[in-house]
C-alpha atoms as a PDB file:
ATOM      1  CA  MET A   1      -4.024  -4.103 -10.835  1.00  0.00           C
ATOM      2  CA  ASP A   2      -4.460  -3.623  -7.111  1.00  0.00           C
ATOM      3  CA  ARG A   3      -8.229  -3.956  -6.806  1.00  0.00           C
ATOM      4  CA  GLU A   4      -8.318  -3.088  -3.116  1.00  0.00           C
ATOM      5  CA  LEU A   5      -6.399   0.133  -3.711  1.00  0.00           C
ATOM      6  CA  LEU A   6      -8.697   0.989  -6.616  1.00  0.00           C
ATOM      7  CA  THR A   7     -11.752   0.376  -4.438  1.00  0.00           C
ATOM      8  CA  ASP A   8     -10.362   2.803  -1.851  1.00  0.00           C
ATOM      9  CA  ARG A   9      -9.525   5.409  -4.499  1.00  0.00           C
ATOM     10  CA  LEU A  10     -13.002   5.124  -6.035  1.00  0.00           C
ATOM     11  CA  GLU A  11     -14.573   5.755  -2.637  1.00  0.00           C
ATOM     12  CA  ALA A  12     -12.387   8.799  -2.011  1.00  0.00           C
ATOM     13  CA  GLU A  13     -12.932  10.332  -5.450  1.00  0.00           C
ATOM     14  CA  PHE A  14     -16.459   9.323  -6.517  1.00  0.00           C
ATOM     15  CA  GLY A  15     -18.357   7.758  -3.603  1.00  0.00           C
ATOM     16  CA  GLY A  16     -20.860   5.070  -4.518  1.00  0.00           C
ATOM     17  CA  THR A  17     -21.749   1.969  -2.554  1.00  0.00           C
ATOM     18  CA  PRO A  18     -19.214  -0.657  -1.489  1.00  0.00           C
ATOM     19  CA  ALA A  19     -20.796  -3.190  -3.879  1.00  0.00           C
ATOM     20  CA  GLU A  20     -20.604  -0.755  -6.775  1.00  0.00           C
ATOM     21  CA  ARG A  21     -16.959   0.044  -6.096  1.00  0.00           C
ATOM     22  CA  ARG A  22     -16.121  -3.661  -5.845  1.00  0.00           C
ATOM     23  CA  VAL A  23     -17.707  -4.478  -9.199  1.00  0.00           C
ATOM     24  CA  VAL A  24     -15.932  -1.577 -10.913  1.00  0.00           C
ATOM     25  CA  ALA A  25     -12.631  -2.719  -9.390  1.00  0.00           C
ATOM     26  CA  ARG A  26     -13.331  -6.287 -10.530  1.00  0.00           C
ATOM     27  CA  MET A  27     -14.043  -5.153 -14.096  1.00  0.00           C
ATOM     28  CA  ALA A  28     -10.942  -2.948 -14.064  1.00  0.00           C
ATOM     29  CA  GLY A  29      -8.913  -5.966 -12.941  1.00  0.00           C
ATOM     30  CA  ASP A  30     -10.374  -8.035 -15.769  1.00  0.00           C
ATOM     31  CA  LEU A  31      -9.555  -5.264 -18.224  1.00  0.00           C
ATOM     32  CA  ALA A  32      -6.001  -5.032 -16.866  1.00  0.00           C
ATOM     33  CA  ASP A  33      -5.614  -8.810 -17.188  1.00  0.00           C
ATOM     34  CA  ALA A  34      -6.744  -8.579 -20.832  1.00  0.00           C
ATOM     35  CA  ARG A  35      -4.046  -5.915 -21.418  1.00  0.00           C
ATOM     36  CA  ALA A  36      -6.287  -4.223 -23.992  1.00  0.00           C
ATOM     37  CA  THR A  37      -5.431  -0.711 -22.855  1.00  0.00           C
ATOM     38  CA  ASP A  38      -1.720  -1.485 -23.191  1.00  0.00           C
ATOM     39  CA  ASP A  39      -2.191  -1.958 -26.932  1.00  0.00           C
ATOM     40  CA  ASP A  40      -4.993   0.530 -27.609  1.00  0.00           C
ATOM     41  CA  LEU A  41      -3.946   3.400 -25.351  1.00  0.00           C
ATOM     42  CA  GLY A  42      -0.282   2.765 -24.694  1.00  0.00           C
ATOM     43  CA  PHE A  43      -0.426   2.627 -20.910  1.00  0.00           C
ATOM     44  CA  GLU A  44      -0.705   0.034 -18.172  1.00  0.00           C
ATOM     45  CA  LEU A  45      -3.986   0.045 -16.319  1.00  0.00           C
ATOM     46  CA  THR A  46      -3.336   0.999 -12.694  1.00  0.00           C
ATOM     47  CA  PRO A  47      -5.628   2.409  -9.987  1.00  0.00           C
ATOM     48  CA  ASP A  48      -4.269   5.900 -10.731  1.00  0.00           C
ATOM     49  CA  ALA A  49      -4.907   5.476 -14.456  1.00  0.00           C
ATOM     50  CA  VAL A  50      -8.496   4.334 -13.835  1.00  0.00           C
ATOM     51  CA  VAL A  51      -9.245   7.250 -11.502  1.00  0.00           C
ATOM     52  CA  ASN A  52      -7.733   9.703 -13.994  1.00  0.00           C
ATOM     53  CA  GLN A  53      -9.866   8.331 -16.817  1.00  0.00           C
ATOM     54  CA  LEU A  54     -13.049   8.289 -14.717  1.00  0.00           C
ATOM     55  CA  ALA A  55     -12.440  11.883 -13.653  1.00  0.00           C
ATOM     56  CA  ASP A  56     -13.014  12.880 -17.298  1.00  0.00           C
ATOM     57  CA  ALA A  57     -16.581  11.532 -17.221  1.00  0.00           C
ATOM     58  CA  PRO A  58     -19.330  14.142 -17.112  1.00  0.00           C
ATOM     59  CA  GLY A  59     -20.378  12.959 -13.652  1.00  0.00           C
ATOM     60  CA  GLY A  60     -22.122  10.157 -11.868  1.00  0.00           C
ATOM     61  CA  SER A  61     -21.325   7.222  -9.660  1.00  0.00           C
ATOM     62  CA  PRO A  62     -18.256   5.008 -10.117  1.00  0.00           C
ATOM     63  CA  ALA A  63     -20.197   2.536 -12.288  1.00  0.00           C
ATOM     64  CA  GLU A  64     -21.715   5.301 -14.421  1.00  0.00           C
ATOM     65  CA  ARG A  65     -18.291   6.845 -14.926  1.00  0.00           C
ATOM     66  CA  TRP A  66     -16.768   3.441 -15.720  1.00  0.00           C
ATOM     67  CA  ASN A  67     -19.474   2.687 -18.278  1.00  0.00           C
ATOM     68  CA  TRP A  68     -18.987   6.101 -19.852  1.00  0.00           C
ATOM     69  CA  TRP A  69     -15.285   5.309 -20.301  1.00  0.00           C
ATOM     70  CA  MET A  70     -15.988   1.799 -21.632  1.00  0.00           C
ATOM     71  CA  GLY A  71     -18.462   3.311 -24.105  1.00  0.00           C
ATOM     72  CA  ALA A  72     -15.821   5.733 -25.350  1.00  0.00           C
ATOM     73  CA  LEU A  73     -13.277   2.915 -25.715  1.00  0.00           C
ATOM     74  CA  GLU A  74     -15.858   0.735 -27.477  1.00  0.00           C
ATOM     75  CA  ALA A  75     -16.597   3.515 -29.970  1.00  0.00           C
ATOM     76  CA  ALA A  76     -12.921   4.191 -30.608  1.00  0.00           C
ATOM     77  CA  HIS A  77     -11.435   0.689 -30.591  1.00  0.00           C
ATOM     78  CA  GLY A  78     -14.169  -1.953 -30.223  1.00  0.00           C
ATOM     79  CA  GLY A  79     -14.017  -4.910 -27.869  1.00  0.00           C
ATOM     80  CA  TYR A  80     -14.764  -3.069 -24.617  1.00  0.00           C
ATOM     81  CA  ARG A  81     -18.490  -3.772 -24.287  1.00  0.00           C
ATOM     82  CA  ARG A  82     -17.756  -6.930 -22.286  1.00  0.00           C
ATOM     83  CA  PHE A  83     -16.126  -4.811 -19.570  1.00  0.00           C
ATOM     84  CA  ARG A  84     -19.222  -2.681 -18.882  1.00  0.00           C
ATOM     85  CA  VAL A  85     -20.850  -2.898 -15.467  1.00  0.00           C
ATOM     86  CA  THR A  86     -24.379  -4.166 -15.930  1.00  0.00           C
ATOM     87  CA  ALA A  87     -25.453  -4.919 -12.350  1.00  0.00           C
ATOM     88  CA  TRP A  88     -24.328  -4.884  -8.780  1.00  0.00           C
ATOM     89  CA  GLN A  89     -26.043  -5.580  -5.487  1.00  0.00           C
ATOM     90  CA  ARG A  90     -27.489  -2.317  -4.323  1.00  0.00           C
ATOM     91  CA  GLU A  91     -27.031  -1.569  -0.660  1.00  0.00           C
ATOM     92  CA  ASP A  92     -29.126   0.843   1.345  1.00  0.00           C
ATOM     93  CA  SER A  93     -27.081   3.430   3.199  1.00  0.00           C
END
């Protein structure tokens, strides 16, 4: 998982603050390292795959979209709650 590329893609597609994008990219990297999506969904987690999944969310910031996806995976497969974003340093724009 190229976290820097994912951070850039998140900014381009969904906005959010730099801190928020970094924490989502960090959690995506942790999820990729766990290889859970390989088994549960049958695909490797890449920046493109993350952006495609987050695009299905009903809206919101990168972290809100990420948590929506993790909630769906938790409901379907279990074991994804630990990958939710719970906090990030908020930055004033």
